[in-house]
Amino acid sequence: MPNIKSAKKRVLTNGRKNEENILVESRMKNSIKKLEKAIHEGNATDSKEQLVTTLKNIDKAQNINIVKENKASRLKSRLTKAVNKLN
């Protein structure tokens, strides 16, 4: 445990940020899994609705640097392409 007051504050804020990052990452992964399940079942309307929320979650993860820009673009492209095939 640090002795300096500012270092103690930094430990607390880093802990809060870490928890938030874990939540955003798990939310993104869960939405991707739900979307892939809807695509696998062939449910076009449900997959279109799920695609919107999944893209939002991927963008949010990218904005706070949980996912790199290229990976986010690749994920969005592949998922959108898979949903468009259902039509």
N, C-alpha and C. Protein backbone atom coordinates (compact mmCIF):
# COMPACT_ATOMS: atom_id res chain seq x y z
N MET A 1 0.84 -1.18 0.00
CA MET A 1 0.00 0.00 0.00
C MET A 1 0.89 1.24 0.00
N PRO A 2 0.57 2.21 -0.83
CA PRO A 2 1.40 3.41 -0.91
C PRO A 2 1.27 4.28 0.33
N ASN A 3 2.30 5.09 0.55
CA ASN A 3 2.33 5.98 1.70
C ASN A 3 1.90 7.40 1.36
N ILE A 4 2.11 7.80 0.13
CA ILE A 4 1.82 9.17 -0.29
C ILE A 4 0.33 9.29 -0.59
N LYS A 5 -0.25 10.42 -0.20
CA LYS A 5 -1.70 10.63 -0.33
C LYS A 5 -2.17 10.54 -1.78
N SER A 6 -1.43 11.15 -2.70
CA SER A 6 -1.84 11.11 -4.11
C SER A 6 -1.76 9.69 -4.67
N ALA A 7 -0.80 8.91 -4.22
CA ALA A 7 -0.68 7.53 -4.66
C ALA A 7 -1.84 6.68 -4.14
N LYS A 8 -2.30 6.99 -2.92
CA LYS A 8 -3.46 6.28 -2.36
C LYS A 8 -4.71 6.58 -3.18
N LYS A 9 -4.87 7.87 -3.56
CA LYS A 9 -6.01 8.25 -4.40
C LYS A 9 -5.94 7.55 -5.75
N ARG A 10 -4.74 7.46 -6.31
CA ARG A 10 -4.56 6.83 -7.61
C ARG A 10 -4.96 5.36 -7.57
N VAL A 11 -4.62 4.68 -6.46
CA VAL A 11 -5.01 3.27 -6.30
C VAL A 11 -6.52 3.14 -6.33
N LEU A 12 -7.22 4.06 -5.65
CA LEU A 12 -8.68 4.00 -5.60
C LEU A 12 -9.30 4.27 -6.98
N THR A 13 -8.80 5.29 -7.66
CA THR A 13 -9.38 5.62 -8.97
C THR A 13 -9.06 4.54 -10.00
N ASN A 14 -7.85 3.97 -9.92
CA ASN A 14 -7.52 2.88 -10.85
C ASN A 14 -8.42 1.67 -10.62
N GLY A 15 -8.76 1.41 -9.37
CA GLY A 15 -9.66 0.30 -9.06
C GLY A 15 -11.04 0.52 -9.64
N ARG A 16 -11.56 1.76 -9.53
CA ARG A 16 -12.88 2.07 -10.09
C ARG A 16 -12.87 1.98 -11.61
N LYS A 17 -11.81 2.49 -12.23
CA LYS A 17 -11.71 2.43 -13.69
C LYS A 17 -11.59 0.99 -14.17
N ASN A 18 -10.86 0.17 -13.42
CA ASN A 18 -10.71 -1.23 -13.77
C ASN A 18 -12.06 -1.95 -13.75
N GLU A 19 -12.86 -1.67 -12.72
CA GLU A 19 -14.19 -2.29 -12.64
C GLU A 19 -15.07 -1.87 -13.81
N GLU A 20 -15.02 -0.59 -14.16
CA GLU A 20 -15.81 -0.09 -15.29
C GLU A 20 -15.36 -0.73 -16.60
N ASN A 21 -14.05 -0.87 -16.77
CA ASN A 21 -13.53 -1.50 -17.99
C ASN A 21 -13.97 -2.95 -18.10
N ILE A 22 -13.98 -3.65 -16.98
CA ILE A 22 -14.42 -5.05 -16.98
C ILE A 22 -15.89 -5.13 -17.36
N LEU A 23 -16.72 -4.22 -16.84
CA LEU A 23 -18.14 -4.21 -17.17
C LEU A 23 -18.36 -3.94 -18.66
N VAL A 24 -17.65 -2.98 -19.20
CA VAL A 24 -17.83 -2.63 -20.62
C VAL A 24 -17.39 -3.79 -21.50
N GLU A 25 -16.27 -4.41 -21.16
CA GLU A 25 -15.77 -5.52 -21.96
C GLU A 25 -16.73 -6.72 -21.92
N SER A 26 -17.23 -7.04 -20.73
CA SER A 26 -18.14 -8.18 -20.63
C SER A 26 -19.46 -7.88 -21.31
N ARG A 27 -19.93 -6.63 -21.25
CA ARG A 27 -21.16 -6.25 -21.94
C ARG A 27 -20.99 -6.41 -23.46
N MET A 28 -19.81 -6.02 -23.96
CA MET A 28 -19.54 -6.16 -25.38
C MET A 28 -19.52 -7.63 -25.79
N LYS A 29 -18.80 -8.43 -25.03
CA LYS A 29 -18.69 -9.86 -25.38
C LYS A 29 -20.04 -10.56 -25.30
N ASN A 30 -20.85 -10.23 -24.29
CA ASN A 30 -22.17 -10.86 -24.16
C ASN A 30 -23.08 -10.47 -25.30
N SER A 31 -23.02 -9.21 -25.74
CA SER A 31 -23.88 -8.80 -26.84
C SER A 31 -23.45 -9.46 -28.14
N ILE A 32 -22.14 -9.67 -28.31
CA ILE A 32 -21.65 -10.37 -29.51
C ILE A 32 -22.16 -11.82 -29.50
N LYS A 33 -22.11 -12.45 -28.34
CA LYS A 33 -22.59 -13.83 -28.23
C LYS A 33 -24.08 -13.93 -28.53
N LYS A 34 -24.86 -12.97 -28.02
CA LYS A 34 -26.30 -12.97 -28.29
C LYS A 34 -26.57 -12.79 -29.77
N LEU A 35 -25.83 -11.90 -30.40
CA LEU A 35 -26.01 -11.65 -31.83
C LEU A 35 -25.64 -12.89 -32.64
N GLU A 36 -24.53 -13.52 -32.31
CA GLU A 36 -24.13 -14.73 -33.04
C GLU A 36 -25.15 -15.84 -32.86
N LYS A 37 -25.75 -15.93 -31.68
CA LYS A 37 -26.79 -16.93 -31.46
C LYS A 37 -28.01 -16.64 -32.32
N ALA A 38 -28.41 -15.37 -32.41
CA ALA A 38 -29.56 -15.00 -33.24
C ALA A 38 -29.26 -15.27 -34.71
N ILE A 39 -28.03 -15.01 -35.14
CA ILE A 39 -27.65 -15.28 -36.53
C ILE A 39 -27.69 -16.77 -36.80
N HIS A 40 -27.17 -17.55 -35.87
CA HIS A 40 -27.14 -19.00 -36.04
C HIS A 40 -28.55 -19.58 -36.12
N GLU A 41 -29.48 -19.00 -35.35
CA GLU A 41 -30.86 -19.47 -35.39
C GLU A 41 -31.58 -19.00 -36.65
N GLY A 42 -31.04 -18.01 -37.33
CA GLY A 42 -31.64 -17.52 -38.56
C GLY A 42 -32.75 -16.50 -38.34
N ASN A 43 -32.80 -15.91 -37.18
CA ASN A 43 -33.83 -14.94 -36.84
C ASN A 43 -33.38 -13.56 -37.32
N ALA A 44 -33.89 -13.12 -38.48
CA ALA A 44 -33.42 -11.89 -39.12
C ALA A 44 -33.82 -10.64 -38.33
N THR A 45 -35.07 -10.56 -37.88
CA THR A 45 -35.52 -9.35 -37.19
C THR A 45 -34.83 -9.18 -35.85
N ASP A 46 -34.69 -10.27 -35.10
CA ASP A 46 -34.02 -10.20 -33.81
C ASP A 46 -32.54 -9.86 -33.97
N SER A 47 -31.93 -10.41 -35.01
CA SER A 47 -30.50 -10.14 -35.21
C SER A 47 -30.26 -8.69 -35.63
N LYS A 48 -31.19 -8.09 -36.38
CA LYS A 48 -31.02 -6.68 -36.74
C LYS A 48 -31.11 -5.79 -35.51
N GLU A 49 -32.05 -6.08 -34.62
CA GLU A 49 -32.17 -5.30 -33.39
C GLU A 49 -30.94 -5.48 -32.51
N GLN A 50 -30.47 -6.70 -32.43
CA GLN A 50 -29.31 -6.99 -31.59
C GLN A 50 -28.04 -6.38 -32.18
N LEU A 51 -27.99 -6.26 -33.51
CA LEU A 51 -26.82 -5.68 -34.16
C LEU A 51 -26.60 -4.23 -33.73
N VAL A 52 -27.68 -3.47 -33.59
CA VAL A 52 -27.57 -2.07 -33.20
C VAL A 52 -26.93 -1.95 -31.82
N THR A 53 -27.40 -2.73 -30.87
CA THR A 53 -26.84 -2.65 -29.52
C THR A 53 -25.41 -3.18 -29.48
N THR A 54 -25.13 -4.20 -30.28
CA THR A 54 -23.78 -4.75 -30.30
C THR A 54 -22.79 -3.73 -30.86
N LEU A 55 -23.17 -3.04 -31.93
CA LEU A 55 -22.28 -2.03 -32.50
C LEU A 55 -22.04 -0.89 -31.51
N LYS A 56 -23.07 -0.51 -30.76
CA LYS A 56 -22.89 0.52 -29.73
C LYS A 56 -21.90 0.07 -28.66
N ASN A 57 -22.04 -1.19 -28.24
CA ASN A 57 -21.15 -1.71 -27.20
C ASN A 57 -19.71 -1.82 -27.69
N ILE A 58 -19.53 -2.20 -28.94
CA ILE A 58 -18.18 -2.28 -29.51
C ILE A 58 -17.57 -0.88 -29.60
N ASP A 59 -18.36 0.10 -30.04
CA ASP A 59 -17.87 1.47 -30.13
C ASP A 59 -17.48 2.02 -28.76
N LYS A 60 -18.29 1.71 -27.75
CA LYS A 60 -17.99 2.19 -26.40
C LYS A 60 -16.68 1.57 -25.90
N ALA A 61 -16.48 0.29 -26.17
CA ALA A 61 -15.24 -0.36 -25.75
C ALA A 61 -14.04 0.21 -26.50
N GLN A 62 -14.24 0.56 -27.76
CA GLN A 62 -13.15 1.15 -28.54
C GLN A 62 -12.81 2.55 -28.03
N ASN A 63 -13.82 3.33 -27.66
CA ASN A 63 -13.58 4.70 -27.22
C ASN A 63 -12.79 4.78 -25.93
N ILE A 64 -12.91 3.78 -25.07
CA ILE A 64 -12.13 3.82 -23.83
C ILE A 64 -10.95 2.85 -23.90
N ASN A 65 -10.55 2.50 -25.12
CA ASN A 65 -9.33 1.74 -25.41
C ASN A 65 -9.29 0.36 -24.78
N ILE A 66 -10.45 -0.29 -24.71
CA ILE A 66 -10.47 -1.69 -24.29
C ILE A 66 -10.18 -2.57 -25.50
N VAL A 67 -10.70 -2.15 -26.65
CA VAL A 67 -10.49 -2.86 -27.91
C VAL A 67 -9.81 -1.89 -28.86
N LYS A 68 -8.82 -2.38 -29.59
CA LYS A 68 -8.13 -1.50 -30.54
C LYS A 68 -9.04 -1.20 -31.72
N GLU A 69 -8.70 -0.12 -32.43
CA GLU A 69 -9.55 0.38 -33.51
C GLU A 69 -9.73 -0.65 -34.62
N ASN A 70 -8.65 -1.31 -35.02
CA ASN A 70 -8.74 -2.29 -36.11
C ASN A 70 -9.59 -3.49 -35.72
N LYS A 71 -9.46 -3.95 -34.49
CA LYS A 71 -10.26 -5.09 -34.04
C LYS A 71 -11.73 -4.71 -33.99
N ALA A 72 -12.03 -3.51 -33.52
CA ALA A 72 -13.42 -3.06 -33.46
C ALA A 72 -14.01 -2.98 -34.86
N SER A 73 -13.26 -2.44 -35.80
CA SER A 73 -13.74 -2.34 -37.18
C SER A 73 -13.96 -3.73 -37.78
N ARG A 74 -13.04 -4.63 -37.51
CA ARG A 74 -13.17 -5.99 -38.03
C ARG A 74 -14.39 -6.70 -37.45
N LEU A 75 -14.61 -6.56 -36.15
CA LEU A 75 -15.77 -7.17 -35.51
C LEU A 75 -17.07 -6.62 -36.10
N LYS A 76 -17.16 -5.29 -36.21
CA LYS A 76 -18.38 -4.67 -36.74
C LYS A 76 -18.64 -5.10 -38.18
N SER A 77 -17.57 -5.17 -38.97
CA SER A 77 -17.72 -5.56 -40.36
C SER A 77 -18.22 -7.00 -40.50
N ARG A 78 -17.62 -7.90 -39.76
CA ARG A 78 -18.00 -9.31 -39.86
C ARG A 78 -19.42 -9.55 -39.36
N LEU A 79 -19.78 -8.88 -38.26
CA LEU A 79 -21.12 -9.07 -37.72
C LEU A 79 -22.17 -8.48 -38.66
N THR A 80 -21.90 -7.31 -39.21
CA THR A 80 -22.84 -6.68 -40.14
C THR A 80 -23.01 -7.53 -41.39
N LYS A 81 -21.90 -8.06 -41.88
CA LYS A 81 -21.95 -8.91 -43.07
C LYS A 81 -22.78 -10.17 -42.81
N ALA A 82 -22.65 -10.75 -41.61
CA ALA A 82 -23.39 -11.96 -41.26
C ALA A 82 -24.89 -11.66 -41.14
N VAL A 83 -25.24 -10.50 -40.59
CA VAL A 83 -26.65 -10.13 -40.47
C VAL A 83 -27.25 -9.87 -41.84
N ASN A 84 -26.48 -9.22 -42.71
CA ASN A 84 -26.99 -8.91 -44.05
C ASN A 84 -27.20 -10.16 -44.89
N LYS A 85 -26.46 -11.23 -44.61
CA LYS A 85 -26.66 -12.49 -45.33
C LYS A 85 -28.01 -13.12 -45.03
N LEU A 86 -28.57 -12.81 -43.85
CA LEU A 86 -29.84 -13.41 -43.46
C LEU A 86 -31.00 -12.89 -44.32
N ASN A 87 -30.86 -11.70 -44.87
CA ASN A 87 -31.95 -11.10 -45.65
C ASN A 87 -32.18 -11.80 -46.93
